Amino acid sequence: MSHHPMRRTLSVLVIGGLLLAPAALMTGCSGNTAEKAGSAVSSMLSGDSVESKTAALMPYVEATNRYNDSYVTFAFSYEPSLQRMRDGVQSDNISVPDFDGLKTALEAARANKAADGVYKDVDEAADGVIAVLKDLAPLAQKMDDYYSAKTYMNDGHKGAAEMTAQYLPLYDKFDAAYQKLDAAVALHHKELRAAQLEEMRKNGRPNAANFIELTMKVRDLVDMLDKEPVDQAAAEAKIAEITNLAGQLPDTSDTKSYKREVNTFIGTFRSYLAGKEDGNEVIDDFNDTVNTSNRVDMDELDGGKK
């Protein structure tokens, strides 16, 4: 079992029947985020509206969505390229993430008046990422241009060595700053999801509430990968909770698809625990459950069995 970044999707945020967030590919965060999220729900419901807080978080969700989506898609290229740089291996190509796109998106989020000051930890973390990207993004572009033009053929990789020496410490600084931002966004998403659950229960929508709780428990299961070795007894207990909630959902075409994806994810998770599956496959199958859950029309769920 290997340790690697956990690029996981976030479920959509649904308020007043509106889908307020697209799928977001996120790096997993560890620690007692569930406790932190739970303690924030009551104050959220009694203070600023869930809608306004969702609107404030959305620019950051969208910014991290784009970066994480690209990273997951091209990790097969980014990660070996980074390792070659760390190993000092001369290469005739390079692959780096879209730092410039992330910088542009985060700067737009910081300029968004609806988002400013609502989540101060997210604002501060975004500022930290932007500060590093001001140096890292242009350097990455310069390196890409260098390799695209095959300039290493004229200078014997001298330029590559010089730029790599600058790139690696900046990348490590960026990675630490980005993990902080990603964790903060994931935490507040969890708070909003829990607040939605409370609203659905108060509004007499038990099936919608069960669906939200189910998506949260599926997320809890994949988050167990953050702490190795995974507690297999706790994992099986969580799987039992997931199976019970899934069995209570009314059958629509979309919930049937969702439940199939959840079962596939559970099977892959168990294979991982048995040492027969790669962790990336677990994440891929989890992301499939989220993509499918985002198609579920929650307004249908409390209209009776379909």
C-alpha atoms as a PDB file:
ATOM      1  CA  MET A   1       0.000   0.000   0.000  1.00  0.00           C
ATOM      2  CA  SER A   2       1.507   3.280  -1.075  1.00  0.00           C
ATOM      3  CA  HIS A   3       1.179   6.779   0.302  1.00  0.00           C
ATOM      4  CA  HIS A   4       0.129   9.304  -2.303  1.00  0.00           C
ATOM      5  CA  PRO A   5      -1.978  12.462  -2.632  1.00  0.00           C
ATOM      6  CA  MET A   6      -5.658  11.630  -2.354  1.00  0.00           C
ATOM      7  CA  ARG A   7      -7.454  13.512  -5.122  1.00  0.00           C
ATOM      8  CA  ARG A   8     -11.111  13.187  -4.158  1.00  0.00           C
ATOM      9  CA  THR A   9     -14.255  14.804  -5.460  1.00  0.00           C
ATOM     10  CA  LEU A  10     -16.716  16.810  -3.393  1.00  0.00           C
ATOM     11  CA  SER A  11     -20.440  16.238  -3.664  1.00  0.00           C
ATOM     12  CA  VAL A  12     -22.609  19.045  -4.976  1.00  0.00           C
ATOM     13  CA  LEU A  13     -23.996  21.533  -2.480  1.00  0.00           C
ATOM     14  CA  VAL A  14     -27.769  21.711  -2.742  1.00  0.00           C
ATOM     15  CA  ILE A  15     -29.652  24.635  -1.230  1.00  0.00           C
ATOM     16  CA  GLY A  16     -33.283  25.378  -1.976  1.00  0.00           C
ATOM     17  CA  GLY A  17     -33.292  22.792  -4.749  1.00  0.00           C
ATOM     18  CA  LEU A  18     -30.390  24.440  -6.593  1.00  0.00           C
ATOM     19  CA  LEU A  19     -27.131  22.713  -7.392  1.00  0.00           C
ATOM     20  CA  LEU A  20     -24.521  25.189  -6.237  1.00  0.00           C
ATOM     21  CA  ALA A  21     -21.277  23.365  -6.822  1.00  0.00           C
ATOM     22  CA  PRO A  22     -19.916  21.185  -9.613  1.00  0.00           C
ATOM     23  CA  ALA A  23     -17.769  18.180  -8.870  1.00  0.00           C
ATOM     24  CA  ALA A  24     -14.519  19.236  -7.255  1.00  0.00           C
ATOM     25  CA  LEU A  25     -11.421  17.114  -7.247  1.00  0.00           C
ATOM     26  CA  MET A  26      -9.790  17.630  -3.930  1.00  0.00           C
ATOM     27  CA  THR A  27      -6.669  16.540  -2.121  1.00  0.00           C
ATOM     28  CA  GLY A  28      -7.674  14.665   1.001  1.00  0.00           C
ATOM     29  CA  CYS A  29      -7.136  16.237   4.378  1.00  0.00           C
ATOM     30  CA  SER A  30      -6.421  14.390   7.579  1.00  0.00           C
ATOM     31  CA  GLY A  31      -7.061  15.111  11.227  1.00  0.00           C
ATOM     32  CA  ASN A  32     -10.271  15.728  13.169  1.00  0.00           C
ATOM     33  CA  THR A  33     -12.105  17.526  10.382  1.00  0.00           C
ATOM     34  CA  ALA A  34     -15.364  15.735  11.177  1.00  0.00           C
ATOM     35  CA  GLU A  35     -15.374  17.171  14.703  1.00  0.00           C
ATOM     36  CA  LYS A  36     -14.528  20.643  13.423  1.00  0.00           C
ATOM     37  CA  ALA A  37     -17.258  20.445  10.797  1.00  0.00           C
ATOM     38  CA  GLY A  38     -19.843  19.264  13.295  1.00  0.00           C
ATOM     39  CA  SER A  39     -19.089  22.055  15.764  1.00  0.00           C
ATOM     40  CA  ALA A  40     -19.598  24.673  13.060  1.00  0.00           C
ATOM     41  CA  VAL A  41     -23.030  23.538  11.870  1.00  0.00           C
ATOM     42  CA  SER A  42     -25.186  25.004  14.638  1.00  0.00           C
ATOM     43  CA  SER A  43     -23.492  28.395  14.438  1.00  0.00           C
ATOM     44  CA  MET A  44     -23.834  28.351  10.662  1.00  0.00           C
ATOM     45  CA  LEU A  45     -27.551  27.690  10.804  1.00  0.00           C
ATOM     46  CA  SER A  46     -28.095  30.405  13.409  1.00  0.00           C
ATOM     47  CA  GLY A  47     -25.816  32.985  11.803  1.00  0.00           C
ATOM     48  CA  ASP A  48     -25.160  33.745   8.159  1.00  0.00           C
ATOM     49  CA  SER A  49     -27.309  31.739   5.775  1.00  0.00           C
ATOM     50  CA  VAL A  50     -26.037  28.510   4.314  1.00  0.00           C
ATOM     51  CA  GLU A  51     -26.680  30.045   0.891  1.00  0.00           C
ATOM     52  CA  SER A  52     -24.392  33.018   1.513  1.00  0.00           C
ATOM     53  CA  LYS A  53     -21.655  30.827   2.928  1.00  0.00           C
ATOM     54  CA  THR A  54     -21.939  28.501  -0.043  1.00  0.00           C
ATOM     55  CA  ALA A  55     -21.657  31.464  -2.405  1.00  0.00           C
ATOM     56  CA  ALA A  56     -18.545  32.588  -0.527  1.00  0.00           C
ATOM     57  CA  LEU A  57     -16.862  29.198  -0.783  1.00  0.00           C
ATOM     58  CA  MET A  58     -17.760  28.578  -4.422  1.00  0.00           C
ATOM     59  CA  PRO A  59     -14.952  30.626  -6.057  1.00  0.00           C
ATOM     60  CA  TYR A  60     -12.388  28.605  -4.124  1.00  0.00           C
ATOM     61  CA  VAL A  61     -14.118  25.315  -4.899  1.00  0.00           C
ATOM     62  CA  GLU A  62     -14.085  26.193  -8.589  1.00  0.00           C
ATOM     63  CA  ALA A  63     -10.423  27.245  -8.504  1.00  0.00           C
ATOM     64  CA  THR A  64      -9.298  24.045  -6.801  1.00  0.00           C
ATOM     65  CA  ASN A  65     -11.634  22.021  -9.036  1.00  0.00           C
ATOM     66  CA  ARG A  66      -9.818  23.076 -12.152  1.00  0.00           C
ATOM     67  CA  TYR A  67      -6.344  22.540 -10.743  1.00  0.00           C
ATOM     68  CA  ASN A  68      -7.111  19.176  -9.149  1.00  0.00           C
ATOM     69  CA  ASP A  69      -9.014  17.905 -12.160  1.00  0.00           C
ATOM     70  CA  SER A  70      -6.063  18.678 -14.404  1.00  0.00           C
ATOM     71  CA  TYR A  71      -3.605  17.215 -11.904  1.00  0.00           C
ATOM     72  CA  VAL A  72      -5.489  13.930 -11.583  1.00  0.00           C
ATOM     73  CA  THR A  73      -5.880  13.633 -15.348  1.00  0.00           C
ATOM     74  CA  PHE A  74      -2.186  14.151 -16.044  1.00  0.00           C
ATOM     75  CA  ALA A  75      -0.614  12.739 -12.872  1.00  0.00           C
ATOM     76  CA  PHE A  76       0.777   9.888 -14.983  1.00  0.00           C
ATOM     77  CA  SER A  77       2.967  12.536 -16.633  1.00  0.00           C
ATOM     78  CA  TYR A  78       3.489  15.126 -13.864  1.00  0.00           C
ATOM     79  CA  GLU A  79       4.696  12.777 -11.152  1.00  0.00           C
ATOM     80  CA  PRO A  80       7.400  10.891 -13.118  1.00  0.00           C
ATOM     81  CA  SER A  81       8.644  14.213 -14.490  1.00  0.00           C
ATOM     82  CA  LEU A  82       8.953  15.634 -10.977  1.00  0.00           C
ATOM     83  CA  GLN A  83      10.753  12.518  -9.779  1.00  0.00           C
ATOM     84  CA  ARG A  84      13.269  12.742 -12.631  1.00  0.00           C
ATOM     85  CA  MET A  85      14.024  16.310 -11.584  1.00  0.00           C
ATOM     86  CA  ARG A  86      14.531  15.238  -7.982  1.00  0.00           C
ATOM     87  CA  ASP A  87      16.820  12.402  -9.084  1.00  0.00           C
ATOM     88  CA  GLY A  88      18.908  14.703 -11.278  1.00  0.00           C
ATOM     89  CA  VAL A  89      18.109  12.701 -14.403  1.00  0.00           C
ATOM     90  CA  GLN A  90      18.609  14.550 -17.681  1.00  0.00           C
ATOM     91  CA  SER A  91      15.511  14.446 -19.835  1.00  0.00           C
ATOM     92  CA  ASP A  92      14.338  15.686 -23.203  1.00  0.00           C
ATOM     93  CA  ASN A  93      10.873  16.654 -21.940  1.00  0.00           C
ATOM     94  CA  ILE A  94       9.072  18.021 -18.913  1.00  0.00           C
ATOM     95  CA  SER A  95       5.518  17.971 -17.620  1.00  0.00           C
ATOM     96  CA  VAL A  96       4.301  20.506 -15.055  1.00  0.00           C
ATOM     97  CA  PRO A  97       0.834  21.347 -13.676  1.00  0.00           C
ATOM     98  CA  ASP A  98      -1.180  24.368 -14.801  1.00  0.00           C
ATOM     99  CA  PHE A  99       0.153  26.775 -12.202  1.00  0.00           C
ATOM    100  CA  ASP A 100      -0.760  29.841 -14.227  1.00  0.00           C
ATOM    101  CA  GLY A 101      -4.400  28.782 -14.492  1.00  0.00           C
ATOM    102  CA  LEU A 102      -4.554  28.190 -10.744  1.00  0.00           C
ATOM    103  CA  LYS A 103      -2.997  31.581 -10.032  1.00  0.00           C
ATOM    104  CA  THR A 104      -5.545  33.330 -12.257  1.00  0.00           C
ATOM    105  CA  ALA A 105      -8.465  31.490 -10.650  1.00  0.00           C
ATOM    106  CA  LEU A 106      -7.314  32.186  -7.092  1.00  0.00           C
ATOM    107  CA  GLU A 107      -6.709  35.849  -7.829  1.00  0.00           C
ATOM    108  CA  ALA A 108     -10.263  36.044  -9.174  1.00  0.00           C
ATOM    109  CA  ALA A 109     -11.562  34.338  -6.027  1.00  0.00           C
ATOM    110  CA  ARG A 110      -9.733  36.825  -3.814  1.00  0.00           C
ATOM    111  CA  ALA A 111     -11.231  39.688  -5.828  1.00  0.00           C
ATOM    112  CA  ASN A 112     -14.755  38.299  -5.412  1.00  0.00           C
ATOM    113  CA  LYS A 113     -16.586  40.526  -2.912  1.00  0.00           C
ATOM    114  CA  ALA A 114     -19.031  37.759  -1.998  1.00  0.00           C
ATOM    115  CA  ALA A 115     -16.133  35.586  -0.840  1.00  0.00           C
ATOM    116  CA  ASP A 116     -13.909  38.134   0.871  1.00  0.00           C
ATOM    117  CA  GLY A 117     -13.668  37.736   4.634  1.00  0.00           C
ATOM    118  CA  VAL A 118     -16.282  34.992   5.031  1.00  0.00           C
ATOM    119  CA  TYR A 119     -13.747  32.194   5.422  1.00  0.00           C
ATOM    120  CA  LYS A 120     -10.632  33.949   6.660  1.00  0.00           C
ATOM    121  CA  ASP A 121      -8.583  30.754   6.852  1.00  0.00           C
ATOM    122  CA  VAL A 122      -9.330  30.064   3.185  1.00  0.00           C
ATOM    123  CA  ASP A 123      -8.487  33.657   2.214  1.00  0.00           C
ATOM    124  CA  GLU A 124      -5.166  33.473   4.052  1.00  0.00           C
ATOM    125  CA  ALA A 125      -4.321  30.080   2.579  1.00  0.00           C
ATOM    126  CA  ALA A 126      -5.145  31.350  -0.911  1.00  0.00           C
ATOM    127  CA  ASP A 127      -2.858  34.347  -0.362  1.00  0.00           C
ATOM    128  CA  GLY A 128      -0.072  31.947   0.584  1.00  0.00           C
ATOM    129  CA  VAL A 129      -0.535  29.912  -2.587  1.00  0.00           C
ATOM    130  CA  ILE A 130      -0.702  33.017  -4.786  1.00  0.00           C
ATOM    131  CA  ALA A 131       2.517  34.360  -3.254  1.00  0.00           C
ATOM    132  CA  VAL A 132       4.426  31.222  -4.273  1.00  0.00           C
ATOM    133  CA  LEU A 133       2.781  31.045  -7.690  1.00  0.00           C
ATOM    134  CA  LYS A 134       4.024  34.524  -8.560  1.00  0.00           C
ATOM    135  CA  ASP A 135       7.481  32.939  -8.842  1.00  0.00           C
ATOM    136  CA  LEU A 136       6.572  29.352  -9.682  1.00  0.00           C
ATOM    137  CA  ALA A 137       4.105  29.926 -12.540  1.00  0.00           C
ATOM    138  CA  PRO A 138       6.441  31.980 -14.776  1.00  0.00           C
ATOM    139  CA  LEU A 139       9.334  29.631 -14.017  1.00  0.00           C
ATOM    140  CA  ALA A 140       7.259  26.603 -15.013  1.00  0.00           C
ATOM    141  CA  GLN A 141       6.311  28.329 -18.260  1.00  0.00           C
ATOM    142  CA  LYS A 142       9.956  29.178 -18.919  1.00  0.00           C
ATOM    143  CA  MET A 143      10.910  25.537 -18.375  1.00  0.00           C
ATOM    144  CA  ASP A 144       8.143  24.345 -20.676  1.00  0.00           C
ATOM    145  CA  ASP A 145       9.331  26.750 -23.381  1.00  0.00           C
ATOM    146  CA  TYR A 146      12.932  25.576 -22.888  1.00  0.00           C
ATOM    147  CA  TYR A 147      12.051  21.920 -23.421  1.00  0.00           C
ATOM    148  CA  SER A 148       9.566  22.598 -26.229  1.00  0.00           C
ATOM    149  CA  ALA A 149      12.288  24.433 -28.171  1.00  0.00           C
ATOM    150  CA  LYS A 150      14.805  21.675 -27.306  1.00  0.00           C
ATOM    151  CA  THR A 151      17.239  24.316 -26.065  1.00  0.00           C
ATOM    152  CA  TYR A 152      18.957  21.610 -24.025  1.00  0.00           C
ATOM    153  CA  MET A 153      20.457  20.393 -27.304  1.00  0.00           C
ATOM    154  CA  ASN A 154      22.479  23.613 -27.532  1.00  0.00           C
ATOM    155  CA  ASP A 155      23.534  24.087 -23.911  1.00  0.00           C
ATOM    156  CA  GLY A 156      24.055  20.503 -22.770  1.00  0.00           C
ATOM    157  CA  HIS A 157      21.155  20.739 -20.283  1.00  0.00           C
ATOM    158  CA  LYS A 158      22.854  23.590 -18.413  1.00  0.00           C
ATOM    159  CA  GLY A 159      19.698  25.692 -18.476  1.00  0.00           C
ATOM    160  CA  ALA A 160      17.640  22.717 -17.339  1.00  0.00           C
ATOM    161  CA  ALA A 161      19.876  22.177 -14.314  1.00  0.00           C
ATOM    162  CA  GLU A 162      19.707  25.851 -13.340  1.00  0.00           C
ATOM    163  CA  MET A 163      15.930  26.054 -13.640  1.00  0.00           C
ATOM    164  CA  THR A 164      15.417  22.751 -11.834  1.00  0.00           C
ATOM    165  CA  ALA A 165      17.464  24.069  -8.913  1.00  0.00           C
ATOM    166  CA  GLN A 166      15.001  26.964  -8.670  1.00  0.00           C
ATOM    167  CA  TYR A 167      11.899  24.886  -9.379  1.00  0.00           C
ATOM    168  CA  LEU A 168      12.181  22.156  -6.751  1.00  0.00           C
ATOM    169  CA  PRO A 169      12.223  24.343  -3.604  1.00  0.00           C
ATOM    170  CA  LEU A 170       9.453  26.506  -5.045  1.00  0.00           C
ATOM    171  CA  TYR A 171       7.383  23.425  -5.861  1.00  0.00           C
ATOM    172  CA  ASP A 172       7.790  22.068  -2.332  1.00  0.00           C
ATOM    173  CA  LYS A 173       6.773  25.429  -0.891  1.00  0.00           C
ATOM    174  CA  PHE A 174       3.768  25.508  -3.214  1.00  0.00           C
ATOM    175  CA  ASP A 175       2.774  21.956  -2.325  1.00  0.00           C
ATOM    176  CA  ALA A 176       2.687  22.753   1.397  1.00  0.00           C
ATOM    177  CA  ALA A 177       0.705  25.954   0.820  1.00  0.00           C
ATOM    178  CA  TYR A 178      -1.734  24.252  -1.532  1.00  0.00           C
ATOM    179  CA  GLN A 179      -2.363  21.373   0.862  1.00  0.00           C
ATOM    180  CA  LYS A 180      -3.338  23.954   3.480  1.00  0.00           C
ATOM    181  CA  LEU A 181      -5.764  25.655   1.097  1.00  0.00           C
ATOM    182  CA  ASP A 182      -7.236  22.390  -0.126  1.00  0.00           C
ATOM    183  CA  ALA A 183      -7.784  21.141   3.427  1.00  0.00           C
ATOM    184  CA  ALA A 184      -9.532  24.373   4.434  1.00  0.00           C
ATOM    185  CA  VAL A 185     -11.871  24.252   1.434  1.00  0.00           C
ATOM    186  CA  ALA A 186     -12.664  20.580   2.121  1.00  0.00           C
ATOM    187  CA  LEU A 187     -13.398  21.315   5.788  1.00  0.00           C
ATOM    188  CA  HIS A 188     -15.849  24.113   5.032  1.00  0.00           C
ATOM    189  CA  HIS A 189     -17.494  22.029   2.323  1.00  0.00           C
ATOM    190  CA  LYS A 190     -18.096  19.383   4.974  1.00  0.00           C
ATOM    191  CA  GLU A 191     -19.613  22.001   7.287  1.00  0.00           C
ATOM    192  CA  LEU A 192     -21.999  23.103   4.551  1.00  0.00           C
ATOM    193  CA  ARG A 193     -22.917  19.514   3.746  1.00  0.00           C
ATOM    194  CA  ALA A 194     -23.735  18.870   7.410  1.00  0.00           C
ATOM    195  CA  ALA A 195     -25.828  22.050   7.528  1.00  0.00           C
ATOM    196  CA  GLN A 196     -27.756  20.847   4.483  1.00  0.00           C
ATOM    197  CA  LEU A 197     -28.419  17.569   6.247  1.00  0.00           C
ATOM    198  CA  GLU A 198     -29.907  19.408   9.229  1.00  0.00           C
ATOM    199  CA  GLU A 199     -32.064  21.560   6.945  1.00  0.00           C
ATOM    200  CA  MET A 200     -33.429  18.531   5.112  1.00  0.00           C
ATOM    201  CA  ARG A 201     -34.351  16.872   8.395  1.00  0.00           C
ATOM    202  CA  LYS A 202     -36.039  20.013   9.716  1.00  0.00           C
ATOM    203  CA  ASN A 203     -37.970  20.398   6.465  1.00  0.00           C
ATOM    204  CA  GLY A 204     -39.369  16.871   6.676  1.00  0.00           C
ATOM    205  CA  ARG A 205     -37.361  15.442   3.777  1.00  0.00           C
ATOM    206  CA  PRO A 206     -36.062  12.142   5.199  1.00  0.00           C
ATOM    207  CA  ASN A 207     -34.982  10.608   1.892  1.00  0.00           C
ATOM    208  CA  ALA A 208     -32.999  13.676   0.861  1.00  0.00           C
ATOM    209  CA  ALA A 209     -31.450  13.722   4.342  1.00  0.00           C
ATOM    210  CA  ASN A 210     -30.529  10.034   4.081  1.00  0.00           C
ATOM    211  CA  PHE A 211     -28.966  10.635   0.679  1.00  0.00           C
ATOM    212  CA  ILE A 212     -26.795  13.474   1.978  1.00  0.00           C
ATOM    213  CA  GLU A 213     -25.794  11.392   4.998  1.00  0.00           C
ATOM    214  CA  LEU A 214     -24.942   8.490   2.699  1.00  0.00           C
ATOM    215  CA  THR A 215     -22.622  10.636   0.571  1.00  0.00           C
ATOM    216  CA  MET A 216     -20.932  11.888   3.734  1.00  0.00           C
ATOM    217  CA  LYS A 217     -20.355   8.367   5.043  1.00  0.00           C
ATOM    218  CA  VAL A 218     -18.939   7.242   1.699  1.00  0.00           C
ATOM    219  CA  ARG A 219     -16.535  10.175   1.975  1.00  0.00           C
ATOM    220  CA  ASP A 220     -15.690   9.120   5.540  1.00  0.00           C
ATOM    221  CA  LEU A 221     -14.754   5.675   4.250  1.00  0.00           C
ATOM    222  CA  VAL A 222     -12.369   6.931   1.581  1.00  0.00           C
ATOM    223  CA  ASP A 223     -10.864   9.367   4.087  1.00  0.00           C
ATOM    224  CA  MET A 224      -9.698   6.351   6.094  1.00  0.00           C
ATOM    225  CA  LEU A 225      -6.930   6.035   3.510  1.00  0.00           C
ATOM    226  CA  ASP A 226      -5.354   9.130   5.058  1.00  0.00           C
ATOM    227  CA  LYS A 227      -4.211   7.100   8.043  1.00  0.00           C
ATOM    228  CA  GLU A 228      -2.273   3.920   7.383  1.00  0.00           C
ATOM    229  CA  PRO A 229      -2.722   1.178   8.288  1.00  0.00           C
ATOM    230  CA  VAL A 230      -6.467   1.414   7.780  1.00  0.00           C
ATOM    231  CA  ASP A 231      -8.510   0.131  10.714  1.00  0.00           C
ATOM    232  CA  GLN A 232     -10.303  -2.729   8.966  1.00  0.00           C
ATOM    233  CA  ALA A 233     -12.884  -3.205  11.718  1.00  0.00           C
ATOM    234  CA  ALA A 234     -13.792   0.482  11.599  1.00  0.00           C
ATOM    235  CA  ALA A 235     -13.919   0.327   7.805  1.00  0.00           C
ATOM    236  CA  GLU A 236     -16.320  -2.616   7.852  1.00  0.00           C
ATOM    237  CA  ALA A 237     -18.488  -0.819  10.417  1.00  0.00           C
ATOM    238  CA  LYS A 238     -18.625   2.205   8.115  1.00  0.00           C
ATOM    239  CA  ILE A 239     -19.464  -0.034   5.153  1.00  0.00           C
ATOM    240  CA  ALA A 240     -22.367  -1.480   7.152  1.00  0.00           C
ATOM    241  CA  GLU A 241     -23.677   2.045   7.793  1.00  0.00           C
ATOM    242  CA  ILE A 242     -23.339   2.875   4.095  1.00  0.00           C
ATOM    243  CA  THR A 243     -25.151  -0.293   3.044  1.00  0.00           C
ATOM    244  CA  ASN A 244     -27.981   0.392   5.482  1.00  0.00           C
ATOM    245  CA  LEU A 245     -28.505   3.960   4.246  1.00  0.00           C
ATOM    246  CA  ALA A 246     -28.284   2.917   0.595  1.00  0.00           C
ATOM    247  CA  GLY A 247     -31.007   0.354   1.213  1.00  0.00           C
ATOM    248  CA  GLN A 248     -33.324   3.100   2.464  1.00  0.00           C
ATOM    249  CA  LEU A 249     -33.062   5.239  -0.678  1.00  0.00           C
ATOM    250  CA  PRO A 250     -36.042   5.234  -3.046  1.00  0.00           C
ATOM    251  CA  ASP A 251     -35.253   3.716  -6.422  1.00  0.00           C
ATOM    252  CA  THR A 252     -34.944   6.229  -9.229  1.00  0.00           C
ATOM    253  CA  SER A 253     -32.789   5.655 -12.290  1.00  0.00           C
ATOM    254  CA  ASP A 254     -30.105   7.909 -10.807  1.00  0.00           C
ATOM    255  CA  THR A 255     -30.147   6.452  -7.293  1.00  0.00           C
ATOM    256  CA  LYS A 256     -29.868   2.958  -8.780  1.00  0.00           C
ATOM    257  CA  SER A 257     -26.777   4.081 -10.691  1.00  0.00           C
ATOM    258  CA  TYR A 258     -25.382   5.704  -7.570  1.00  0.00           C
ATOM    259  CA  LYS A 259     -25.862   2.578  -5.474  1.00  0.00           C
ATOM    260  CA  ARG A 260     -24.102   0.483  -8.130  1.00  0.00           C
ATOM    261  CA  GLU A 261     -21.138   2.869  -8.065  1.00  0.00           C
ATOM    262  CA  VAL A 262     -21.039   2.741  -4.260  1.00  0.00           C
ATOM    263  CA  ASN A 263     -20.958  -1.065  -4.315  1.00  0.00           C
ATOM    264  CA  THR A 264     -18.118  -0.996  -6.843  1.00  0.00           C
ATOM    265  CA  PHE A 265     -16.208   1.468  -4.659  1.00  0.00           C
ATOM    266  CA  ILE A 266     -16.708  -0.725  -1.590  1.00  0.00           C
ATOM    267  CA  GLY A 267     -15.391  -3.738  -3.487  1.00  0.00           C
ATOM    268  CA  THR A 268     -12.306  -1.838  -4.629  1.00  0.00           C
ATOM    269  CA  PHE A 269     -11.741  -0.524  -1.108  1.00  0.00           C
ATOM    270  CA  ARG A 270     -11.826  -4.067   0.273  1.00  0.00           C
ATOM    271  CA  SER A 271      -9.423  -5.224  -2.441  1.00  0.00           C
ATOM    272  CA  TYR A 272      -7.064  -2.418  -1.430  1.00  0.00           C
ATOM    273  CA  LEU A 273      -7.172  -3.539   2.198  1.00  0.00           C
ATOM    274  CA  ALA A 274      -6.325  -7.063   1.033  1.00  0.00           C
ATOM    275  CA  GLY A 275      -3.301  -5.728  -0.863  1.00  0.00           C
ATOM    276  CA  LYS A 276      -4.828  -6.596  -4.236  1.00  0.00           C
ATOM    277  CA  GLU A 277      -5.597  -3.111  -5.529  1.00  0.00           C
ATOM    278  CA  ASP A 278      -3.758   0.171  -5.955  1.00  0.00           C
ATOM    279  CA  GLY A 279      -4.869   3.170  -3.914  1.00  0.00           C
ATOM    280  CA  ASN A 280      -5.371   5.228  -7.051  1.00  0.00           C
ATOM    281  CA  GLU A 281      -8.078   2.796  -8.155  1.00  0.00           C
ATOM    282  CA  VAL A 282      -9.893   3.340  -4.861  1.00  0.00           C
ATOM    283  CA  ILE A 283      -9.820   7.093  -5.452  1.00  0.00           C
ATOM    284  CA  ASP A 284     -10.981   6.681  -9.047  1.00  0.00           C
ATOM    285  CA  ASP A 285     -13.952   4.578  -7.967  1.00  0.00           C
ATOM    286  CA  PHE A 286     -14.788   6.997  -5.169  1.00  0.00           C
ATOM    287  CA  ASN A 287     -14.737   9.880  -7.640  1.00  0.00           C
ATOM    288  CA  ASP A 288     -17.148   7.905  -9.820  1.00  0.00           C
ATOM    289  CA  THR A 289     -19.586   7.689  -6.899  1.00  0.00           C
ATOM    290  CA  VAL A 290     -19.478  11.456  -6.500  1.00  0.00           C
ATOM    291  CA  ASN A 291     -19.943  12.145 -10.192  1.00  0.00           C
ATOM    292  CA  THR A 292     -22.984   9.866 -10.149  1.00  0.00           C
ATOM    293  CA  SER A 293     -24.369  11.399  -6.947  1.00  0.00           C
ATOM    294  CA  ASN A 294     -24.232  14.814  -8.591  1.00  0.00           C
ATOM    295  CA  ARG A 295     -26.846  13.633 -11.088  1.00  0.00           C
ATOM    296  CA  VAL A 296     -29.377  12.656  -8.421  1.00  0.00           C
ATOM    297  CA  ASP A 297     -32.389  15.000  -8.351  1.00  0.00           C
ATOM    298  CA  MET A 298     -32.992  15.412  -4.638  1.00  0.00           C
ATOM    299  CA  ASP A 299     -36.438  16.895  -5.275  1.00  0.00           C
ATOM    300  CA  GLU A 300     -37.539  13.447  -6.483  1.00  0.00           C
ATOM    301  CA  LEU A 301     -36.405  11.579  -3.409  1.00  0.00           C
ATOM    302  CA  ASP A 302     -39.292  12.433  -1.101  1.00  0.00           C
ATOM    303  CA  GLY A 303     -41.984  11.905  -3.707  1.00  0.00           C
ATOM    304  CA  GLY A 304     -42.148   8.201  -2.872  1.00  0.00           C
ATOM    305  CA  LYS A 305     -40.561   5.137  -4.410  1.00  0.00           C
ATOM    306  CA  LYS A 306     -40.165   5.378  -8.183  1.00  0.00           C
END
